[in-house]
C-alpha atoms as a PDB file:
ATOM      1  CA  MET A   1       2.054  -7.958 -16.260  1.00  0.00           C
ATOM      2  CA  PRO A   2       4.247  -6.918 -19.110  1.00  0.00           C
ATOM      3  CA  GLU A   3       7.528  -7.269 -20.028  1.00  0.00           C
ATOM      4  CA  ALA A   4       9.570  -4.067 -18.310  1.00  0.00           C
ATOM      5  CA  LEU A   5      11.315  -1.431 -20.747  1.00  0.00           C
ATOM      6  CA  ARG A   6      15.187  -2.535 -20.947  1.00  0.00           C
ATOM      7  CA  ILE A   7      16.156   1.666 -20.517  1.00  0.00           C
ATOM      8  CA  TRP A   8      13.865   1.517 -17.823  1.00  0.00           C
ATOM      9  CA  ALA A   9      15.013  -1.207 -16.436  1.00  0.00           C
ATOM     10  CA  GLN A  10      18.872  -0.505 -16.929  1.00  0.00           C
ATOM     11  CA  ALA A  11      18.428   2.856 -15.573  1.00  0.00           C
ATOM     12  CA  SER A  12      16.536   1.917 -12.108  1.00  0.00           C
ATOM     13  CA  ALA A  13      19.696  -0.596 -11.733  1.00  0.00           C
ATOM     14  CA  VAL A  14      21.828   2.423 -12.042  1.00  0.00           C
ATOM     15  CA  ILE A  15      20.020   4.482  -9.851  1.00  0.00           C
ATOM     16  CA  GLY A  16      19.299   1.872  -7.510  1.00  0.00           C
ATOM     17  CA  ALA A  17      22.642   0.190  -6.836  1.00  0.00           C
ATOM     18  CA  SER A  18      23.645   3.747  -4.868  1.00  0.00           C
ATOM     19  CA  PHE A  19      20.467   4.202  -3.245  1.00  0.00           C
ATOM     20  CA  ASN A  20      19.650   3.770  -0.055  1.00  0.00           C
ATOM     21  CA  GLN A  21      16.489   3.778   1.396  1.00  0.00           C
ATOM     22  CA  SER A  22      17.497   4.366   4.733  1.00  0.00           C
ATOM     23  CA  GLN A  23      19.043   7.006   4.296  1.00  0.00           C
ATOM     24  CA  LYS A  24      17.317  10.843   5.317  1.00  0.00           C
ATOM     25  CA  SER A  25      15.749  12.559   2.766  1.00  0.00           C
ATOM     26  CA  ARG A  26      16.330  16.384   2.068  1.00  0.00           C
ATOM     27  CA  PRO A  27      14.632  18.992   3.512  1.00  0.00           C
ATOM     28  CA  GLY A  28      11.221  19.441   1.969  1.00  0.00           C
ATOM     29  CA  VAL A  29      11.335  16.341   0.129  1.00  0.00           C
ATOM     30  CA  SER A  30       8.423  13.480   1.366  1.00  0.00           C
ATOM     31  CA  ARG A  31       9.691  10.176   1.360  1.00  0.00           C
ATOM     32  CA  GLY A  32       7.537   6.525   1.288  1.00  0.00           C
ATOM     33  CA  TYR A  33       5.075   4.814  -1.018  1.00  0.00           C
ATOM     34  CA  ILE A  34       1.641   6.206  -1.804  1.00  0.00           C
ATOM     35  CA  LEU A  35       0.521   2.797  -2.072  1.00  0.00           C
ATOM     36  CA  PRO A  36       2.248   0.003  -0.416  1.00  0.00           C
ATOM     37  CA  ASP A  37       5.555  -1.000  -2.909  1.00  0.00           C
ATOM     38  CA  PRO A  38       4.588  -4.559  -5.187  1.00  0.00           C
ATOM     39  CA  VAL A  39       7.633  -6.255  -3.303  1.00  0.00           C
ATOM     40  CA  LEU A  40       5.510  -5.976  -0.073  1.00  0.00           C
ATOM     41  CA  LEU A  41       2.993  -8.501  -1.808  1.00  0.00           C
ATOM     42  CA  ALA A  42       4.953 -10.290  -4.063  1.00  0.00           C
ATOM     43  CA  ASN A  43       7.766 -11.449  -2.123  1.00  0.00           C
ATOM     44  CA  HIS A  44       6.564 -13.062   1.188  1.00  0.00           C
ATOM     45  CA  SER A  45       8.460 -15.780   2.000  1.00  0.00           C
ATOM     46  CA  ASN A  46       5.298 -16.677   3.604  1.00  0.00           C
ATOM     47  CA  GLU A  47       2.472 -17.896   1.214  1.00  0.00           C
ATOM     48  CA  ASN A  48      -0.257 -17.606   4.472  1.00  0.00           C
ATOM     49  CA  SER A  49       1.215 -13.616   5.213  1.00  0.00           C
ATOM     50  CA  ARG A  50       1.451 -13.158   1.893  1.00  0.00           C
ATOM     51  CA  GLN A  51      -2.476 -13.997   1.072  1.00  0.00           C
ATOM     52  CA  ALA A  52      -3.123 -12.080   3.648  1.00  0.00           C
ATOM     53  CA  TYR A  53      -1.388  -8.467   2.306  1.00  0.00           C
ATOM     54  CA  PHE A  54      -3.221  -9.164  -0.790  1.00  0.00           C
ATOM     55  CA  THR A  55      -7.080  -9.793   0.954  1.00  0.00           C
ATOM     56  CA  THR A  56      -6.109  -6.527   3.163  1.00  0.00           C
ATOM     57  CA  TYR A  57      -4.964  -4.621   0.146  1.00  0.00           C
ATOM     58  CA  LEU A  58      -8.471  -5.526  -1.248  1.00  0.00           C
ATOM     59  CA  LYS A  59     -10.829  -4.863   1.638  1.00  0.00           C
ATOM     60  CA  LEU A  60      -8.545  -1.224   2.711  1.00  0.00           C
ATOM     61  CA  ARG A  61      -8.097  -0.659  -1.749  1.00  0.00           C
ATOM     62  CA  LEU A  62     -11.103   2.355  -1.809  1.00  0.00           C
ATOM     63  CA  VAL A  63     -10.443   3.601   1.363  1.00  0.00           C
ATOM     64  CA  LEU A  64      -7.046   3.298   0.114  1.00  0.00           C
ATOM     65  CA  LEU A  65      -7.398   5.239  -2.855  1.00  0.00           C
ATOM     66  CA  TYR A  66      -9.947   7.584  -1.439  1.00  0.00           C
ATOM     67  CA  ARG A  67      -7.499   9.168   0.943  1.00  0.00           C
ATOM     68  CA  ILE A  68      -5.321  10.063  -1.823  1.00  0.00           C
ATOM     69  CA  ARG A  69      -8.085  11.851  -3.968  1.00  0.00           C
ATOM     70  CA  THR A  70      -9.173  13.639  -0.761  1.00  0.00           C
ATOM     71  CA  LEU A  71      -5.604  13.843   1.164  1.00  0.00           C
ATOM     72  CA  GLY A  72      -3.303  14.290  -2.078  1.00  0.00           C
ATOM     73  CA  VAL A  73      -0.606  12.315  -2.922  1.00  0.00           C
ATOM     74  CA  THR A  74       2.293  14.149  -0.155  1.00  0.00           C
ATOM     75  CA  ARG A  75      -0.303  13.354   2.964  1.00  0.00           C
ATOM     76  CA  CYS A  76      -0.608  10.146   2.068  1.00  0.00           C
ATOM     77  CA  LEU A  77       2.940   8.704   2.159  1.00  0.00           C
ATOM     78  CA  LEU A  78       3.647   5.961   3.878  1.00  0.00           C
ATOM     79  CA  GLN A  79       7.654   4.666   4.852  1.00  0.00           C
ATOM     80  CA  SER A  80       7.405   0.632   4.236  1.00  0.00           C
ATOM     81  CA  PRO A  81       7.625  -0.785   7.964  1.00  0.00           C
ATOM     82  CA  GLU A  82       3.908   1.323   8.132  1.00  0.00           C
ATOM     83  CA  TRP A  83       2.923  -0.361   4.916  1.00  0.00           C
ATOM     84  CA  ARG A  84       3.657  -3.553   6.111  1.00  0.00           C
ATOM     85  CA  GLN A  85       1.886  -3.148   9.735  1.00  0.00           C
ATOM     86  CA  VAL A  86      -1.557  -1.508   7.412  1.00  0.00           C
ATOM     87  CA  LEU A  87      -1.510  -5.049   5.031  1.00  0.00           C
ATOM     88  CA  GLY A  88      -0.754  -7.186   8.514  1.00  0.00           C
ATOM     89  CA  LEU A  89      -3.724  -5.267   9.810  1.00  0.00           C
ATOM     90  CA  GLU A  90      -5.240  -8.402  10.420  1.00  0.00           C
ATOM     91  CA  LEU A  91      -2.646 -10.783  11.063  1.00  0.00           C
ATOM     92  CA  HIS A  92      -0.397  -8.955  13.652  1.00  0.00           C
ATOM     93  CA  GLY A  93       0.066  -9.713  17.484  1.00  0.00           C
ATOM     94  CA  SER A  94      -3.210  -9.042  19.653  1.00  0.00           C
ATOM     95  CA  ARG A  95      -0.835  -7.398  22.588  1.00  0.00           C
ATOM     96  CA  ASP A  96      -2.131  -3.609  23.902  1.00  0.00           C
ATOM     97  CA  ASP A  97       1.567  -3.327  25.195  1.00  0.00           C
ATOM     98  CA  THR A  98       3.403  -2.352  22.631  1.00  0.00           C
ATOM     99  CA  LYS A  99       5.151   0.312  19.920  1.00  0.00           C
ATOM    100  CA  ALA A 100       4.419  -1.963  17.301  1.00  0.00           C
ATOM    101  CA  ALA A 101       0.439  -1.613  18.397  1.00  0.00           C
ATOM    102  CA  GLU A 102       1.162   2.540  19.136  1.00  0.00           C
ATOM    103  CA  SER A 103       1.894   2.649  15.498  1.00  0.00           C
ATOM    104  CA  ARG A 104      -0.953   0.223  14.360  1.00  0.00           C
ATOM    105  CA  ARG A 105      -3.365   2.146  15.996  1.00  0.00           C
ATOM    106  CA  GLN A 106      -2.303   5.531  15.027  1.00  0.00           C
ATOM    107  CA  ILE A 107      -2.718   3.868  11.454  1.00  0.00           C
ATOM    108  CA  GLN A 108      -5.925   2.525  12.244  1.00  0.00           C
ATOM    109  CA  ALA A 109      -7.089   6.299  13.066  1.00  0.00           C
ATOM    110  CA  ASN A 110      -5.923   7.725   9.847  1.00  0.00           C
ATOM    111  CA  ILE A 111      -7.324   5.581   8.358  1.00  0.00           C
ATOM    112  CA  GLN A 112     -10.404   5.170  10.327  1.00  0.00           C
ATOM    113  CA  ASP A 113     -10.748   9.411  10.019  1.00  0.00           C
ATOM    114  CA  SER A 114     -10.905   8.313   6.044  1.00  0.00           C
ATOM    115  CA  LEU A 115     -14.055   6.203   6.258  1.00  0.00           C
ATOM    116  CA  ASP A 116     -15.873   8.431   8.454  1.00  0.00           C
ATOM    117  CA  SER A 117     -15.642  11.123   6.127  1.00  0.00           C
ATOM    118  CA  ALA A 118     -16.025   8.755   3.085  1.00  0.00           C
ATOM    119  CA  GLY A 119     -18.852   7.912   4.756  1.00  0.00           C
ATOM    120  CA  SER A 120     -20.353   4.793   2.256  1.00  0.00           C
ATOM    121  CA  LEU A 121     -17.122   2.940   1.772  1.00  0.00           C
ATOM    122  CA  GLY A 122     -18.980  -0.492   3.873  1.00  0.00           C
ATOM    123  CA  ILE A 123     -15.447  -0.319   5.633  1.00  0.00           C
ATOM    124  CA  ASN A 124     -15.604  -1.246   9.752  1.00  0.00           C
ATOM    125  CA  LEU A 125     -12.001  -1.982  10.099  1.00  0.00           C
ATOM    126  CA  ASP A 126     -13.360  -3.332  13.738  1.00  0.00           C
ATOM    127  CA  ASN A 127     -15.101  -5.811  11.531  1.00  0.00           C
ATOM    128  CA  LEU A 128     -12.667  -6.268   9.101  1.00  0.00           C
ATOM    129  CA  GLU A 129     -11.856 -10.058   9.659  1.00  0.00           C
ATOM    130  CA  ASN A 130     -15.404 -10.157   8.524  1.00  0.00           C
ATOM    131  CA  ILE A 131     -14.916  -8.512   4.821  1.00  0.00           C
ATOM    132  CA  ALA A 132     -15.147 -10.875   1.777  1.00  0.00           C
ATOM    133  CA  PRO A 133     -12.190  -8.776  -0.533  1.00  0.00           C
ATOM    134  CA  ALA A 134     -13.208  -8.604  -3.977  1.00  0.00           C
ATOM    135  CA  TRP A 135     -11.803  -7.831  -7.321  1.00  0.00           C
ATOM    136  CA  ASN A 136     -13.128  -6.488 -11.043  1.00  0.00           C
ATOM    137  CA  ASN A 137     -16.828  -6.984  -9.428  1.00  0.00           C
ATOM    138  CA  VAL A 138     -15.542 -10.955  -8.771  1.00  0.00           C
ATOM    139  CA  ILE A 139     -16.005 -11.789  -4.285  1.00  0.00           C
ATOM    140  CA  TYR A 140     -13.089 -14.396  -3.084  1.00  0.00           C
ATOM    141  CA  GLU A 141     -14.665 -16.197  -0.400  1.00  0.00           C
ATOM    142  CA  SER A 142     -12.068 -18.520   0.042  1.00  0.00           C
ATOM    143  CA  ARG A 143      -9.426 -15.496   1.023  1.00  0.00           C
ATOM    144  CA  GLN A 144      -7.671 -17.424  -1.555  1.00  0.00           C
ATOM    145  CA  ILE A 145      -6.621 -14.344  -4.245  1.00  0.00           C
ATOM    146  CA  PRO A 146      -5.062 -16.453  -7.518  1.00  0.00           C
ATOM    147  CA  GLN A 147      -2.476 -16.026  -9.037  1.00  0.00           C
ATOM    148  CA  ASP A 148      -3.579 -14.245 -12.003  1.00  0.00           C
ATOM    149  CA  VAL A 149      -5.578 -12.137  -9.960  1.00  0.00           C
ATOM    150  CA  CYS A 150      -2.784 -11.038  -7.838  1.00  0.00           C
ATOM    151  CA  ARG A 151      -0.343 -10.194 -10.576  1.00  0.00           C
ATOM    152  CA  GLU A 152      -3.489  -7.961 -11.576  1.00  0.00           C
ATOM    153  CA  ILE A 153      -3.509  -6.117  -8.210  1.00  0.00           C
ATOM    154  CA  LEU A 154       0.519  -5.659  -8.397  1.00  0.00           C
ATOM    155  CA  TRP A 155      -0.112  -4.158 -11.937  1.00  0.00           C
ATOM    156  CA  GLU A 156      -3.044  -1.678 -10.801  1.00  0.00           C
ATOM    157  CA  ILE A 157      -0.530  -0.621  -7.619  1.00  0.00           C
ATOM    158  CA  TYR A 158       2.362  -0.393 -10.056  1.00  0.00           C
ATOM    159  CA  THR A 159       0.712   2.056 -12.318  1.00  0.00           C
ATOM    160  CA  ILE A 160      -0.949   4.111  -9.703  1.00  0.00           C
ATOM    161  CA  SER A 161       1.925   4.754  -8.376  1.00  0.00           C
ATOM    162  CA  PHE A 162       4.045   5.443 -11.395  1.00  0.00           C
ATOM    163  CA  ARG A 163       2.163   8.410 -12.267  1.00  0.00           C
ATOM    164  CA  PHE A 164       1.347  10.350  -8.590  1.00  0.00           C
ATOM    165  CA  GLU A 165       5.906   9.848  -8.224  1.00  0.00           C
ATOM    166  CA  LEU A 166       5.788  11.153 -11.527  1.00  0.00           C
ATOM    167  CA  LEU A 167       3.639  14.075 -10.865  1.00  0.00           C
ATOM    168  CA  VAL A 168       5.651  14.467  -7.477  1.00  0.00           C
ATOM    169  CA  LEU A 169       8.639  14.561  -8.796  1.00  0.00           C
ATOM    170  CA  ASP A 170       7.458  17.118 -11.794  1.00  0.00           C
ATOM    171  CA  GLY A 171       6.312  19.235  -8.363  1.00  0.00           C
ATOM    172  CA  TYR A 172       9.466  18.954  -6.858  1.00  0.00           C
ATOM    173  CA  LEU A 173      11.239  19.947 -10.587  1.00  0.00           C
ATOM    174  CA  TYR A 174       9.878  22.766 -10.538  1.00  0.00           C
ATOM    175  CA  GLU A 175       8.456  24.554  -7.499  1.00  0.00           C
END
């Protein structure tokens, strides 16, 4: 990944010093991420879970991008805990009687709705574990995503997210 621009890094540090993500947003201001926060993928403390997050992202990448295109940015925003559930679809427990299970079912239903409307993405959430992740036409049967590919994925997420966040910000400023 390229180095961060110094002025952007300084501005981010200044703004981030007093930012409280758990604070309620102002009325009419959507909060969330258009794609998962790259930190969720890159900084997971457990290597197996980190690899599972990357593979799930790759399996769902097309439908996530399709959702942005068809639903619009603000309808696709998810909070970090929701993105953890999306990325952990293959990891998280199988109990059906918990609040987390209900949330997971809701997220799966939303993704499935997008899959159904897309028609030909070739993804079946009921069979997600049998789909081999792919990036740039390379299929990773071993489910181990190389570090250089992980960096490329993170770069794509940062780039797409930045573009859409800038558009949303522009919309709020000029409404």
